């Protein structure tokens, strides 16, 4: 039995003060001077909890939702971007001001000009109402928002959609609310005087704007990890329970999102207390230092590399699926790039498999008709008749450019390395299985039929997608292998084996790594630009482009032993 050392709560230390609990928070905000307080909020914040916690600190309260357009107008304004689809919408271009009634907003501003310091404006857009007030921002990580969607306890931007299906709530967040509020929040980072963390209900934490900004600066100066989150799945397995130290009473865990910065959290450790914020804040505030100039020029303030785990050891097959091509996702959903991906097999049980590409000579019309008949419940789709079934062993790497039929089969712990559009999976067949809610999961045969690249057959898979390893460099005690990705994909991956210190350079790209073999390693700066950073088996970590040169060597119990990392970065000839 190996020692569990996977860190589920990585944090960056920052000097400063933290005020914890509603009494301390209320006292601090009540002492903000001779101005009203604008308590601006991300969607998902429980505003009623804020008001209960601050009860008595302010004599006059304005809630921004009362100044917004009527719900029916907002629904009509956003209808085109929500679409009628159960899962997919279209990326919206709105600004937050468009959700407000202009006349009500101006009247509130006029009233606030005459208000005293006992006035609190609370809700999204509070600073639009009170631009000269003391600005406090209550932030919220998207993963916590999703938990609140599941409990039907939070509203969308200007709409009460709490009773909508979770998929519809998520769709409104993904295509509308989060884009609007990230664009708005990006204008506030230098102005916010206090940041409020209410991710854990009943346990608020308040830090100053300067402590917050210094925490982000500390984070982007060296290697860091985002806070992983774990979720069960209809096909979920048992591997992560042991390796990551998860609750053994949960039936399974299918997902670990270990590097999805738009949804993960960051933790700042202040006076021994973990202050939680969305890791997207770091991307917004420090995109150039984090991503690198050329990557920022290409992707803007989007973090383009995603790492996550798919655990089917002791579980079942994922759905047979396909991701859209770049043209399809741009024309139909407004996304600028697609979910190209790959499966790196971190671990595998005997008999594990991966499904990848269609078989040579497949009759595409017959296959599509069988998929449609299976969707209607008329037959059981024979996946092995049409799709290649490949053995999966530890450290295999399978490449999956958009348009390639695929799924991880049972018995795999898959490190999925992909581009970050994380919603656009067209399920073709789900093995006669229900979702965790007891209902069939949405199947998208018709959309899938429009993007399947039929030339990616058995021969193509063997020649271009399955375990195409190329030794690129070696020295005493180390070697490096190029493992992908496909020429159509913009991510490059290299696997390095080392028992001695090895040196890497970021060049012009952020790098994302995972320690895929070995108990522990340490990342160091030859110039002492950041403190030594220890990583453990299966942990994903991020190296900002601005770091430049860094080294990795075995550490602790692994010292003198062989370790391996898989490293992903953006290549510029793709």
Protein backbone atom coordinates (compact mmCIF):
# COMPACT_ATOMS: atom_id res chain seq x y z
CA UNK A 1 0.00 0.00 0.00
CA UNK A 2 1.37 3.41 -0.99
CA UNK A 3 1.26 6.42 1.33
CA UNK A 4 -1.48 8.86 0.45
CA UNK A 5 0.13 12.23 -0.11
CA UNK A 6 -2.19 13.86 -2.64
CA UNK A 7 -2.91 17.42 -1.44
CA UNK A 8 -6.58 18.35 -1.93
CA UNK A 9 -6.17 21.88 -0.53
CA UNK A 10 -3.06 23.51 -2.05
CA UNK A 11 -2.62 27.15 -1.00
CA UNK A 12 -0.34 30.13 -1.63
CA UNK A 13 0.85 32.01 1.47
CA UNK A 14 0.38 35.78 1.59
CA UNK A 15 1.02 38.22 4.42
CA UNK A 16 -1.98 40.20 5.60
CA UNK A 17 -5.02 40.22 7.87
CA UNK A 18 -8.10 38.06 7.55
CA UNK A 19 -11.40 38.83 9.26
CA UNK A 20 -13.51 35.73 9.78
CA UNK A 21 -17.14 35.34 10.79
CA UNK A 22 -20.01 37.73 10.24
CA UNK A 23 -19.36 39.74 13.40
CA UNK A 24 -15.81 40.64 12.35
CA UNK A 25 -16.83 41.22 8.73
CA UNK A 26 -19.76 43.47 9.71
CA UNK A 27 -17.60 45.48 12.10
CA UNK A 28 -14.94 46.09 9.45
CA UNK A 29 -17.41 47.14 6.76
CA UNK A 30 -19.27 49.41 9.18
CA UNK A 31 -15.99 51.26 9.80
CA UNK A 32 -15.30 51.97 6.12
CA UNK A 33 -15.55 55.73 6.51
CA UNK A 34 -17.96 58.42 5.46
CA UNK A 35 -19.15 56.69 2.28
CA UNK A 36 -21.79 54.09 1.38
CA UNK A 37 -20.60 50.52 0.79
CA UNK A 38 -21.07 48.84 -2.58
CA UNK A 39 -21.05 45.08 -1.97
CA UNK A 40 -20.75 43.79 -5.51
CA UNK A 41 -21.48 40.09 -6.08
CA UNK A 42 -20.84 37.32 -8.56
CA UNK A 43 -23.88 35.18 -9.32
CA UNK A 44 -24.17 32.26 -6.93
CA UNK A 45 -23.51 34.39 -3.84
CA UNK A 46 -26.29 33.93 -1.26
CA UNK A 47 -27.34 37.55 -0.91
CA UNK A 48 -29.82 36.79 1.87
CA UNK A 49 -26.95 35.36 3.91
CA UNK A 50 -24.97 38.56 3.31
CA UNK A 51 -27.84 40.70 4.55
CA UNK A 52 -28.49 38.50 7.57
CA UNK A 53 -24.81 38.54 8.46
CA UNK A 54 -24.56 42.32 8.13
CA UNK A 55 -27.82 42.92 9.97
CA UNK A 56 -27.65 46.16 11.93
CA UNK A 57 -24.48 47.42 10.27
CA UNK A 58 -26.38 49.55 7.73
CA UNK A 59 -29.63 51.48 8.07
CA UNK A 60 -30.47 51.69 4.36
CA UNK A 61 -30.09 48.83 1.86
CA UNK A 62 -30.45 48.84 -1.92
CA UNK A 63 -30.53 45.51 -3.78
CA UNK A 64 -29.39 45.72 -7.38
CA UNK A 65 -31.88 43.15 -8.66
CA UNK A 66 -34.66 45.69 -7.96
CA UNK A 67 -33.03 48.02 -10.49
CA UNK A 68 -32.78 45.49 -13.30
CA UNK A 69 -35.10 45.11 -16.24
CA UNK A 70 -38.16 42.93 -15.67
CA UNK A 71 -37.43 39.24 -15.89
CA UNK A 72 -39.50 38.80 -19.05
CA UNK A 73 -37.39 41.43 -20.82
CA UNK A 74 -34.14 39.77 -19.75
CA UNK A 75 -35.42 36.38 -20.86
CA UNK A 76 -36.35 37.83 -24.23
CA UNK A 77 -33.03 39.67 -24.54
CA UNK A 78 -31.08 36.47 -23.88
CA UNK A 79 -33.36 34.00 -25.67
CA UNK A 80 -31.31 33.80 -28.85
CA UNK A 81 -28.19 32.89 -26.87
CA UNK A 82 -29.94 30.40 -24.61
CA UNK A 83 -31.53 28.61 -27.61
CA UNK A 84 -34.07 25.81 -27.16
CA UNK A 85 -31.43 23.11 -26.71
CA UNK A 86 -31.26 21.17 -23.43
CA UNK A 87 -27.46 21.56 -23.20
CA UNK A 88 -26.01 24.06 -25.65
CA UNK A 89 -26.38 27.79 -26.16
CA UNK A 90 -24.40 30.46 -28.02
CA UNK A 91 -21.72 32.70 -26.53
CA UNK A 92 -23.32 36.04 -25.66
CA UNK A 93 -21.78 39.52 -26.07
CA UNK A 94 -23.68 41.35 -23.30
CA UNK A 95 -22.34 43.90 -20.83
CA UNK A 96 -23.74 44.06 -17.30
CA UNK A 97 -25.26 47.50 -17.87
CA UNK A 98 -27.64 45.96 -20.43
CA UNK A 99 -29.40 44.03 -17.65
CA UNK A 100 -30.36 47.23 -15.80
CA UNK A 101 -33.33 49.52 -16.33
CA UNK A 102 -31.60 52.79 -17.25
CA UNK A 103 -34.18 55.01 -15.53
CA UNK A 104 -34.20 53.03 -12.28
CA UNK A 105 -30.40 52.96 -12.28
CA UNK A 106 -30.11 56.72 -12.64
CA UNK A 107 -32.71 57.36 -9.95
CA UNK A 108 -30.81 55.08 -7.56
CA UNK A 109 -27.55 56.86 -8.35
CA UNK A 110 -29.15 60.22 -7.57
CA UNK A 111 -30.50 58.90 -4.26
CA UNK A 112 -27.08 57.49 -3.36
CA UNK A 113 -25.40 60.84 -3.96
CA UNK A 114 -27.28 62.13 -0.94
CA UNK A 115 -26.93 58.99 1.18
CA UNK A 116 -24.76 58.60 4.24
CA UNK A 117 -22.26 55.96 5.17
CA UNK A 118 -24.99 53.76 6.65
CA UNK A 119 -26.12 52.80 3.11
CA UNK A 120 -25.32 49.38 1.61
CA UNK A 121 -25.80 48.56 -2.08
CA UNK A 122 -25.65 44.79 -2.60
CA UNK A 123 -25.74 42.54 -5.65
CA UNK A 124 -24.18 42.24 -9.12
CA UNK A 125 -23.40 45.70 -10.45
CA UNK A 126 -23.40 47.45 -7.06
CA UNK A 127 -20.60 49.77 -8.18
CA UNK A 128 -22.70 50.82 -11.19
CA UNK A 129 -25.19 52.19 -8.66
CA UNK A 130 -22.64 53.70 -6.28
CA UNK A 131 -19.41 54.38 -8.21
CA UNK A 132 -17.90 56.44 -5.36
CA UNK A 133 -18.73 54.00 -2.56
CA UNK A 134 -16.31 51.78 -0.68
CA UNK A 135 -16.12 48.77 -3.00
CA UNK A 136 -16.35 45.25 -1.58
CA UNK A 137 -16.49 42.24 -3.89
CA UNK A 138 -18.13 38.95 -2.89
CA UNK A 139 -16.63 36.43 -5.29
CA UNK A 140 -17.72 32.88 -6.02
CA UNK A 141 -15.99 29.90 -7.65
CA UNK A 142 -17.93 28.26 -10.46
CA UNK A 143 -17.65 24.80 -8.96
CA UNK A 144 -19.45 25.98 -5.83
CA UNK A 145 -22.03 27.72 -8.03
CA UNK A 146 -22.71 24.37 -9.69
CA UNK A 147 -23.31 22.74 -6.30
CA UNK A 148 -25.84 25.49 -5.58
CA UNK A 149 -27.48 24.86 -8.96
CA UNK A 150 -27.95 21.24 -7.91
CA UNK A 151 -29.63 22.42 -4.72
CA UNK A 152 -31.76 24.91 -6.71
CA UNK A 153 -30.83 27.73 -4.36
CA UNK A 154 -29.37 30.53 -6.52
CA UNK A 155 -30.77 32.73 -9.28
CA UNK A 156 -29.28 33.71 -12.60
CA UNK A 157 -28.41 37.26 -13.56
CA UNK A 158 -31.71 39.14 -13.41
CA UNK A 159 -33.83 35.97 -13.56
CA UNK A 160 -35.19 33.57 -10.97
CA UNK A 161 -34.38 30.25 -12.63
CA UNK A 162 -33.91 28.21 -9.48
CA UNK A 163 -36.49 25.62 -10.52
CA UNK A 164 -34.97 25.06 -13.96
CA UNK A 165 -33.16 21.77 -14.61
CA UNK A 166 -29.52 21.94 -13.56
CA UNK A 167 -28.39 21.68 -17.18
CA UNK A 168 -30.37 24.82 -18.06
CA UNK A 169 -29.00 26.72 -15.07
CA UNK A 170 -25.48 25.73 -16.06
CA UNK A 171 -26.14 26.71 -19.67
CA UNK A 172 -27.25 30.21 -18.65
CA UNK A 173 -24.16 30.56 -16.49
CA UNK A 174 -21.78 29.26 -19.15
CA UNK A 175 -23.09 31.18 -22.15
CA UNK A 176 -24.38 34.37 -20.50
CA UNK A 177 -23.95 35.17 -16.80
CA UNK A 178 -20.33 34.15 -16.21
CA UNK A 179 -19.11 35.84 -19.38
CA UNK A 180 -20.93 39.05 -18.49
CA UNK A 181 -19.65 39.10 -14.92
CA UNK A 182 -16.07 38.14 -15.79
CA UNK A 183 -15.95 41.01 -18.29
CA UNK A 184 -17.33 43.35 -15.62
CA UNK A 185 -15.13 42.03 -12.79
CA UNK A 186 -12.05 42.47 -14.97
CA UNK A 187 -12.59 46.24 -14.74
CA UNK A 188 -12.69 46.20 -10.93
CA UNK A 189 -9.54 44.38 -9.75
CA UNK A 190 -7.56 47.55 -9.10
CA UNK A 191 -10.49 49.31 -7.41
CA UNK A 192 -11.81 46.76 -4.92
CA UNK A 193 -10.93 47.68 -1.34
CA UNK A 194 -12.13 44.47 0.30
CA UNK A 195 -12.68 40.93 -1.01
CA UNK A 196 -15.26 38.68 0.63
CA UNK A 197 -15.20 34.88 0.46
CA UNK A 198 -18.57 33.23 1.10
CA UNK A 199 -17.91 29.93 -0.70
CA UNK A 200 -18.49 28.12 2.60
CA UNK A 201 -21.92 29.21 3.89
CA UNK A 202 -21.80 30.60 7.40
CA UNK A 203 -18.03 31.04 7.34
CA UNK A 204 -17.27 34.37 5.61
CA UNK A 205 -13.70 35.64 5.30
CA UNK A 206 -12.66 39.19 4.44
CA UNK A 207 -9.26 40.40 3.24
CA UNK A 208 -8.11 43.75 1.93
CA UNK A 209 -7.82 44.47 -1.76
CA UNK A 210 -4.05 44.77 -1.43
CA UNK A 211 -3.77 41.39 0.34
CA UNK A 212 -5.85 39.87 -2.48
CA UNK A 213 -3.71 41.44 -5.19
CA UNK A 214 -0.46 40.46 -3.45
CA UNK A 215 -1.76 36.90 -3.17
CA UNK A 216 -2.29 36.78 -6.93
CA UNK A 217 1.18 38.24 -7.51
CA UNK A 218 2.71 35.61 -5.21
CA UNK A 219 0.85 32.86 -7.06
CA UNK A 220 1.93 33.85 -10.57
CA UNK A 221 5.60 34.18 -9.59
CA UNK A 222 6.11 30.42 -9.37
CA UNK A 223 4.52 26.97 -9.70
CA UNK A 224 1.05 26.58 -8.22
CA UNK A 225 -1.93 24.25 -8.08
CA UNK A 226 -5.61 25.00 -8.25
CA UNK A 227 -7.98 23.29 -5.83
CA UNK A 228 -9.10 19.96 -7.34
CA UNK A 229 -12.73 18.95 -7.15
CA UNK A 230 -14.18 15.47 -7.46
CA UNK A 231 -17.53 14.30 -8.74
CA UNK A 232 -19.29 10.94 -9.13
CA UNK A 233 -20.38 9.71 -12.56
CA UNK A 234 -22.64 6.97 -13.93
CA UNK A 235 -19.47 5.17 -15.06
CA UNK A 236 -17.30 6.21 -12.10
CA UNK A 237 -14.61 4.07 -10.49
CA UNK A 238 -12.70 3.50 -7.27
CA UNK A 239 -9.04 4.41 -7.97
CA UNK A 240 -9.21 8.03 -6.82
CA UNK A 241 -10.75 7.07 -3.47
CA UNK A 242 -7.50 5.38 -2.52
CA UNK A 243 -4.89 7.57 -4.22
CA UNK A 244 -6.54 10.92 -3.47
CA UNK A 245 -7.93 10.02 -0.04
CA UNK A 246 -11.62 10.55 -0.82
CA UNK A 247 -14.73 9.58 1.13
CA UNK A 248 -14.98 5.77 0.94
CA UNK A 249 -18.74 5.92 1.56
CA UNK A 250 -19.42 7.66 -1.77
CA UNK A 251 -20.33 4.95 -4.32
CA UNK A 252 -17.83 6.17 -6.92
CA UNK A 253 -15.84 9.11 -8.22
CA UNK A 254 -15.70 9.52 -11.98
CA UNK A 255 -14.12 12.95 -12.32
CA UNK A 256 -11.28 14.91 -10.83
CA UNK A 257 -11.00 18.42 -12.27
CA UNK A 258 -7.40 19.18 -11.39
CA UNK A 259 -6.69 22.00 -13.85
CA UNK A 260 -9.80 23.71 -15.20
CA UNK A 261 -9.03 27.27 -14.09
CA UNK A 262 -12.34 28.80 -15.17
CA UNK A 263 -14.11 26.46 -12.71
CA UNK A 264 -11.49 25.64 -10.06
CA UNK A 265 -10.65 27.68 -6.97
CA UNK A 266 -7.40 29.11 -5.69
CA UNK A 267 -6.60 29.24 -2.00
CA UNK A 268 -4.65 32.09 -0.40
CA UNK A 269 -3.37 31.20 3.06
CA UNK A 270 -3.64 34.31 5.24
CA UNK A 271 -2.84 34.04 8.96
CA UNK A 272 -3.32 30.27 8.74
CA UNK A 273 -6.79 30.66 7.18
CA UNK A 274 -7.57 29.58 3.60
CA UNK A 275 -9.27 32.32 1.61
CA UNK A 276 -10.99 30.89 -1.48
CA UNK A 277 -11.33 32.70 -4.80
CA UNK A 278 -11.96 31.65 -8.40
CA UNK A 279 -8.70 30.70 -10.14
CA UNK A 280 -10.13 32.56 -13.15
CA UNK A 281 -9.27 35.75 -11.24
CA UNK A 282 -5.59 34.97 -11.73
CA UNK A 283 -6.15 34.43 -15.47
CA UNK A 284 -7.97 37.76 -15.73
CA UNK A 285 -5.47 39.76 -13.65
CA UNK A 286 -2.18 38.25 -14.84
CA UNK A 287 -2.90 36.74 -18.23
CA UNK A 288 0.36 37.81 -19.83
CA UNK A 289 2.63 36.61 -17.01
CA UNK A 290 0.64 33.40 -16.66
CA UNK A 291 -0.01 32.46 -20.27
CA UNK A 292 2.89 34.11 -22.09
CA UNK A 293 2.65 36.87 -24.66
CA UNK A 294 1.99 34.72 -27.77
CA UNK A 295 -0.55 32.54 -25.92
CA UNK A 296 -2.36 35.62 -24.62
CA UNK A 297 -2.36 37.07 -28.14
CA UNK A 298 -4.01 33.90 -29.45
CA UNK A 299 -6.43 33.04 -26.62
CA UNK A 300 -6.94 36.36 -24.82
CA UNK A 301 -7.84 35.77 -21.18
CA UNK A 302 -8.78 32.11 -21.66
CA UNK A 303 -6.60 29.45 -20.06
CA UNK A 304 -6.30 27.02 -23.00
CA UNK A 305 -5.05 23.77 -21.38
CA UNK A 306 -7.19 21.46 -19.30
CA UNK A 307 -6.12 18.44 -17.20
CA UNK A 308 -8.65 16.16 -15.52
CA UNK A 309 -8.99 12.55 -14.42
CA UNK A 310 -11.55 10.04 -15.65
CA UNK A 311 -11.74 7.08 -13.26
CA UNK A 312 -13.26 3.87 -14.66
CA UNK A 313 -11.21 1.40 -12.57
CA UNK A 314 -13.96 -0.63 -10.96
CA UNK A 315 -16.44 1.34 -13.07
CA UNK A 316 -17.78 1.24 -16.62
CA UNK A 317 -17.28 2.67 -20.08
CA UNK A 318 -17.74 6.37 -20.69
CA UNK A 319 -20.36 7.24 -23.28
CA UNK A 320 -19.29 6.71 -26.88
CA UNK A 321 -18.85 10.30 -28.01
CA UNK A 322 -17.39 12.84 -30.41
CA UNK A 323 -16.38 16.48 -30.02
CA UNK A 324 -17.15 19.13 -32.65
CA UNK A 325 -14.73 20.31 -35.28
CA UNK A 326 -13.39 23.87 -35.03
CA UNK A 327 -15.70 25.12 -37.78
CA UNK A 328 -18.79 23.49 -36.25
CA UNK A 329 -18.20 24.85 -32.75
CA UNK A 330 -17.52 28.34 -34.09
CA UNK A 331 -20.62 28.46 -36.31
CA UNK A 332 -23.06 26.78 -33.93
CA UNK A 333 -21.92 27.87 -30.45
CA UNK A 334 -19.73 30.95 -30.95
CA UNK A 335 -16.59 29.34 -29.51
CA UNK A 336 -13.23 30.29 -31.00
CA UNK A 337 -11.63 26.82 -30.64
CA UNK A 338 -12.81 23.29 -30.01
CA UNK A 339 -12.29 20.52 -27.45
CA UNK A 340 -9.40 18.65 -29.01
CA UNK A 341 -8.11 16.23 -26.41
CA UNK A 342 -6.11 13.13 -25.58
CA UNK A 343 -6.16 10.23 -23.13
CA UNK A 344 -2.97 9.65 -21.15
CA UNK A 345 -3.35 6.37 -19.26
CA UNK A 346 -2.06 7.10 -15.76
CA UNK A 347 -3.02 3.64 -14.53
CA UNK A 348 -4.92 0.65 -15.87
CA UNK A 349 -6.44 -2.58 -14.62
CA UNK A 350 -5.90 -5.82 -16.56
CA UNK A 351 -8.08 -5.87 -19.67
CA UNK A 352 -8.58 -2.09 -19.79
CA UNK A 353 -9.49 -0.65 -23.19
CA UNK A 354 -10.00 2.56 -25.11
CA UNK A 355 -12.45 2.99 -28.00
CA UNK A 356 -10.98 5.18 -30.75
CA UNK A 357 -11.92 5.85 -34.36
CA UNK A 358 -14.14 3.82 -36.71
CA UNK A 359 -13.12 0.49 -38.16
CA UNK A 360 -11.72 0.18 -41.67
CA UNK A 361 -14.41 0.03 -44.33
CA UNK A 362 -17.25 0.91 -41.96
CA UNK A 363 -20.61 1.64 -43.60
CA UNK A 364 -21.30 5.08 -42.11
CA UNK A 365 -24.98 5.08 -43.10
CA UNK A 366 -25.50 1.72 -41.39
CA UNK A 367 -23.67 2.89 -38.29
CA UNK A 368 -25.68 6.09 -38.05
CA UNK A 369 -28.95 4.22 -38.55
CA UNK A 370 -28.02 1.78 -35.78
CA UNK A 371 -27.18 4.72 -33.49
CA UNK A 372 -30.55 6.32 -34.25
CA UNK A 373 -32.35 3.03 -33.66
CA UNK A 374 -30.50 2.61 -30.36
CA UNK A 375 -31.50 6.16 -29.39
CA UNK A 376 -35.13 5.17 -30.04
CA UNK A 377 -34.66 2.06 -27.89
CA UNK A 378 -35.12 -0.35 -30.79
CA UNK A 379 -31.76 -2.13 -30.48
CA UNK A 380 -28.56 -2.34 -28.46
CA UNK A 381 -25.82 -0.58 -30.38
CA UNK A 382 -22.93 -2.91 -31.23
CA UNK A 383 -19.99 -0.58 -30.62
CA UNK A 384 -17.37 -3.22 -31.40
CA UNK A 385 -18.87 -3.76 -34.85
CA UNK A 386 -18.08 -0.17 -35.81
CA UNK A 387 -15.46 1.28 -33.44
CA UNK A 388 -11.85 0.23 -32.76
CA UNK A 389 -11.30 -1.27 -29.32
CA UNK A 390 -7.67 -0.87 -28.25
CA UNK A 391 -5.87 -2.27 -25.19
CA UNK A 392 -4.94 0.39 -22.62
CA UNK A 393 -1.86 0.05 -20.43
CA UNK A 394 -0.07 2.39 -18.04
CA UNK A 395 1.60 5.36 -19.83
CA UNK A 396 -0.17 4.82 -23.16
CA UNK A 397 -1.23 8.04 -24.87
CA UNK A 398 -4.13 8.24 -27.33
CA UNK A 399 -4.76 11.42 -29.34
CA UNK A 400 -8.32 12.60 -30.01
CA UNK A 401 -8.61 15.61 -32.33
CA UNK A 402 -12.15 16.98 -32.71
CA UNK A 403 -14.35 14.80 -34.88
CA UNK A 404 -12.83 11.50 -33.67
CA UNK A 405 -15.19 8.93 -32.13
CA UNK A 406 -13.87 7.79 -28.77
CA UNK A 407 -14.42 6.79 -25.19
CA UNK A 408 -12.37 5.54 -22.27
CA UNK A 409 -13.39 1.99 -21.49
CA UNK A 410 -13.68 0.34 -18.10
CA UNK A 411 -10.48 -0.20 -16.13
CA UNK A 412 -8.67 3.06 -16.90
CA UNK A 413 -7.45 5.95 -14.83
CA UNK A 414 -7.23 8.44 -17.66
CA UNK A 415 -5.49 11.79 -17.46
CA UNK A 416 -7.45 13.76 -20.03
CA UNK A 417 -5.29 16.47 -21.59
CA UNK A 418 -7.38 18.78 -23.70
CA UNK A 419 -8.29 22.24 -24.84
CA UNK A 420 -10.65 23.96 -22.45
CA UNK A 421 -14.11 24.22 -24.08
CA UNK A 422 -15.49 21.70 -21.59
CA UNK A 423 -19.18 21.41 -22.43
CA UNK A 424 -19.20 20.25 -26.02
CA UNK A 425 -19.50 16.47 -25.96
CA UNK A 426 -21.91 14.85 -28.40
CA UNK A 427 -22.88 11.53 -26.83
CA UNK A 428 -23.68 8.89 -29.46
CA UNK A 429 -24.34 5.82 -27.26
CA UNK A 430 -24.47 5.41 -23.49
CA UNK A 431 -24.56 1.64 -23.06
CA UNK A 432 -28.26 1.53 -21.99
CA UNK A 433 -27.35 3.48 -18.86
CA UNK A 434 -29.13 6.16 -16.86
CA UNK A 435 -27.54 9.28 -15.37
CA UNK A 436 -27.10 9.74 -11.64
CA UNK A 437 -30.51 11.44 -11.61
CA UNK A 438 -32.14 8.23 -12.84
CA UNK A 439 -32.91 9.73 -16.25
CA UNK A 440 -31.37 8.98 -19.66
CA UNK A 441 -28.49 11.31 -20.49
CA UNK A 442 -28.95 13.45 -23.63
CA UNK A 443 -27.84 11.73 -26.84
CA UNK A 444 -26.72 13.82 -29.83
CA UNK A 445 -26.56 11.47 -32.81
CA UNK A 446 -27.65 14.12 -35.30
CA UNK A 447 -25.06 16.66 -34.18
CA UNK A 448 -22.46 13.92 -33.99
CA UNK A 449 -23.23 12.81 -37.54
CA UNK A 450 -22.27 16.29 -38.77
CA UNK A 451 -18.77 16.22 -37.23
CA UNK A 452 -17.59 12.60 -37.31
CA UNK A 453 -14.42 12.38 -39.38
CA UNK A 454 -14.97 9.04 -41.10
CA UNK A 455 -11.43 8.84 -42.49
CA UNK A 456 -10.16 8.32 -38.93
CA UNK A 457 -10.36 4.57 -39.26
CA UNK A 458 -8.24 1.69 -37.95
CA UNK A 459 -5.32 2.45 -40.22
CA UNK A 460 -5.41 6.16 -39.38
CA UNK A 461 -5.63 5.49 -35.65
CA UNK A 462 -2.58 3.22 -35.74
CA UNK A 463 -0.57 5.61 -37.89
CA UNK A 464 -1.49 8.90 -36.23
CA UNK A 465 -3.35 8.56 -32.90
CA UNK A 466 -2.18 5.57 -30.87
CA UNK A 467 1.08 5.78 -28.92
CA UNK A 468 3.15 7.85 -31.29
CA UNK A 469 6.24 8.28 -29.15
CA UNK A 470 9.41 10.03 -30.32
CA UNK A 471 12.53 10.31 -28.16
CA UNK A 472 13.60 13.98 -28.27
CA UNK A 473 16.45 14.27 -25.77
CA UNK A 474 18.38 12.29 -23.18
CA UNK A 475 21.21 12.55 -20.69
CA UNK A 476 22.60 10.68 -17.73
CA UNK A 477 19.65 9.83 -15.48
CA UNK A 478 16.95 11.35 -17.69
CA UNK A 479 15.25 11.20 -21.09
CA UNK A 480 12.38 12.98 -22.79
CA UNK A 481 9.75 11.62 -25.18
CA UNK A 482 7.31 13.48 -27.36
CA UNK A 483 3.92 11.79 -26.90
CA UNK A 484 1.71 14.13 -28.97
CA UNK A 485 -0.48 15.81 -29.71
CA UNK A 486 -1.93 15.46 -33.20
CA UNK A 487 -0.88 18.10 -35.81
CA UNK A 488 -4.44 19.46 -35.80
CA UNK A 489 -4.19 20.24 -32.06
CA UNK A 490 -2.37 23.25 -30.59
CA UNK A 491 -1.12 21.45 -27.46
CA UNK A 492 2.28 19.76 -27.37
CA UNK A 493 3.01 17.05 -24.77
CA UNK A 494 6.36 15.68 -23.57
CA UNK A 495 7.01 12.95 -21.02
CA UNK A 496 10.25 13.16 -19.05
CA UNK A 497 11.75 10.35 -16.99
CA UNK A 498 14.30 11.50 -14.42
CA UNK A 499 16.21 10.28 -11.40
CA UNK A 500 18.39 13.41 -11.32
CA UNK A 501 17.51 17.12 -11.57
CA UNK A 502 16.24 18.08 -15.04
CA UNK A 503 15.90 21.60 -16.42
CA UNK A 504 12.95 22.99 -18.39
CA UNK A 505 12.26 26.38 -19.93
CA UNK A 506 8.80 27.80 -20.42
CA UNK A 507 9.65 29.73 -23.58
CA UNK A 508 6.55 31.75 -24.43
CA UNK A 509 3.90 29.37 -23.05
CA UNK A 510 2.34 28.42 -19.76
CA UNK A 511 3.12 24.79 -18.94
CA UNK A 512 0.88 22.27 -17.17
CA UNK A 513 2.45 19.13 -15.67
CA UNK A 514 1.41 16.03 -13.77
CA UNK A 515 3.69 13.75 -11.76
CA UNK A 516 2.63 10.50 -13.44
CA UNK A 517 5.21 8.29 -11.72
CA UNK A 518 7.07 8.68 -8.43
CA UNK A 519 5.93 9.58 -4.94
CA UNK A 520 7.24 13.14 -4.75
CA UNK A 521 9.27 15.71 -6.66
CA UNK A 522 10.36 19.28 -6.05
CA UNK A 523 10.30 22.18 -8.53
CA UNK A 524 13.00 24.82 -8.03
CA UNK A 525 14.26 28.04 -9.60
CA UNK A 526 17.99 28.06 -10.45
CA UNK A 527 17.91 31.80 -9.74
CA UNK A 528 15.90 31.50 -6.51
CA UNK A 529 12.90 33.33 -7.99
CA UNK A 530 10.38 31.22 -6.04
CA UNK A 531 10.50 28.90 -3.01
CA UNK A 532 10.92 25.15 -3.65
CA UNK A 533 7.56 23.71 -4.66
CA UNK A 534 6.78 20.10 -3.73
CA UNK A 535 4.41 17.99 -5.82
CA UNK A 536 3.10 14.48 -5.21
CA UNK A 537 2.03 11.55 -7.34
CA UNK A 538 -0.93 12.34 -9.64
CA UNK A 539 -0.96 16.06 -8.77
CA UNK A 540 -1.33 18.53 -11.62
CA UNK A 541 0.59 21.79 -11.34
CA UNK A 542 0.97 24.93 -13.43
CA UNK A 543 4.19 26.76 -14.36
CA UNK A 544 3.48 30.36 -15.43
CA UNK A 545 5.25 31.44 -18.63
CA UNK A 546 7.02 34.23 -16.72
CA UNK A 547 8.92 31.67 -14.59
CA UNK A 548 11.33 30.98 -17.45
CA UNK A 549 13.84 28.33 -16.35
CA UNK A 550 12.98 25.77 -13.67
CA UNK A 551 14.20 22.37 -12.51
CA UNK A 552 12.48 19.23 -11.22
CA UNK A 553 14.10 16.47 -9.21
CA UNK A 554 12.93 13.49 -7.13
CA UNK A 555 12.26 14.46 -3.52
CA UNK A 556 11.55 12.88 -0.16
CA UNK A 557 10.93 9.13 -0.38
CA UNK A 558 11.46 9.31 -4.14
CA UNK A 559 14.98 10.80 -3.91
CA UNK A 560 17.36 8.83 -6.10
CA UNK A 561 14.47 6.91 -7.70
CA UNK A 562 12.95 7.30 -11.15
CA UNK A 563 10.04 9.72 -11.59
CA UNK A 564 8.05 10.81 -14.63
CA UNK A 565 6.14 13.98 -15.52
CA UNK A 566 3.89 14.64 -18.48
CA UNK A 567 4.21 18.26 -19.61
CA UNK A 568 1.80 20.19 -21.86
CA UNK A 569 2.29 23.58 -23.48
CA UNK A 570 1.08 25.57 -26.48
CA UNK A 571 3.00 25.13 -29.69
CA UNK A 572 2.98 27.93 -32.20
CA UNK A 573 3.20 26.02 -35.47
CA UNK A 574 -0.21 24.37 -35.02
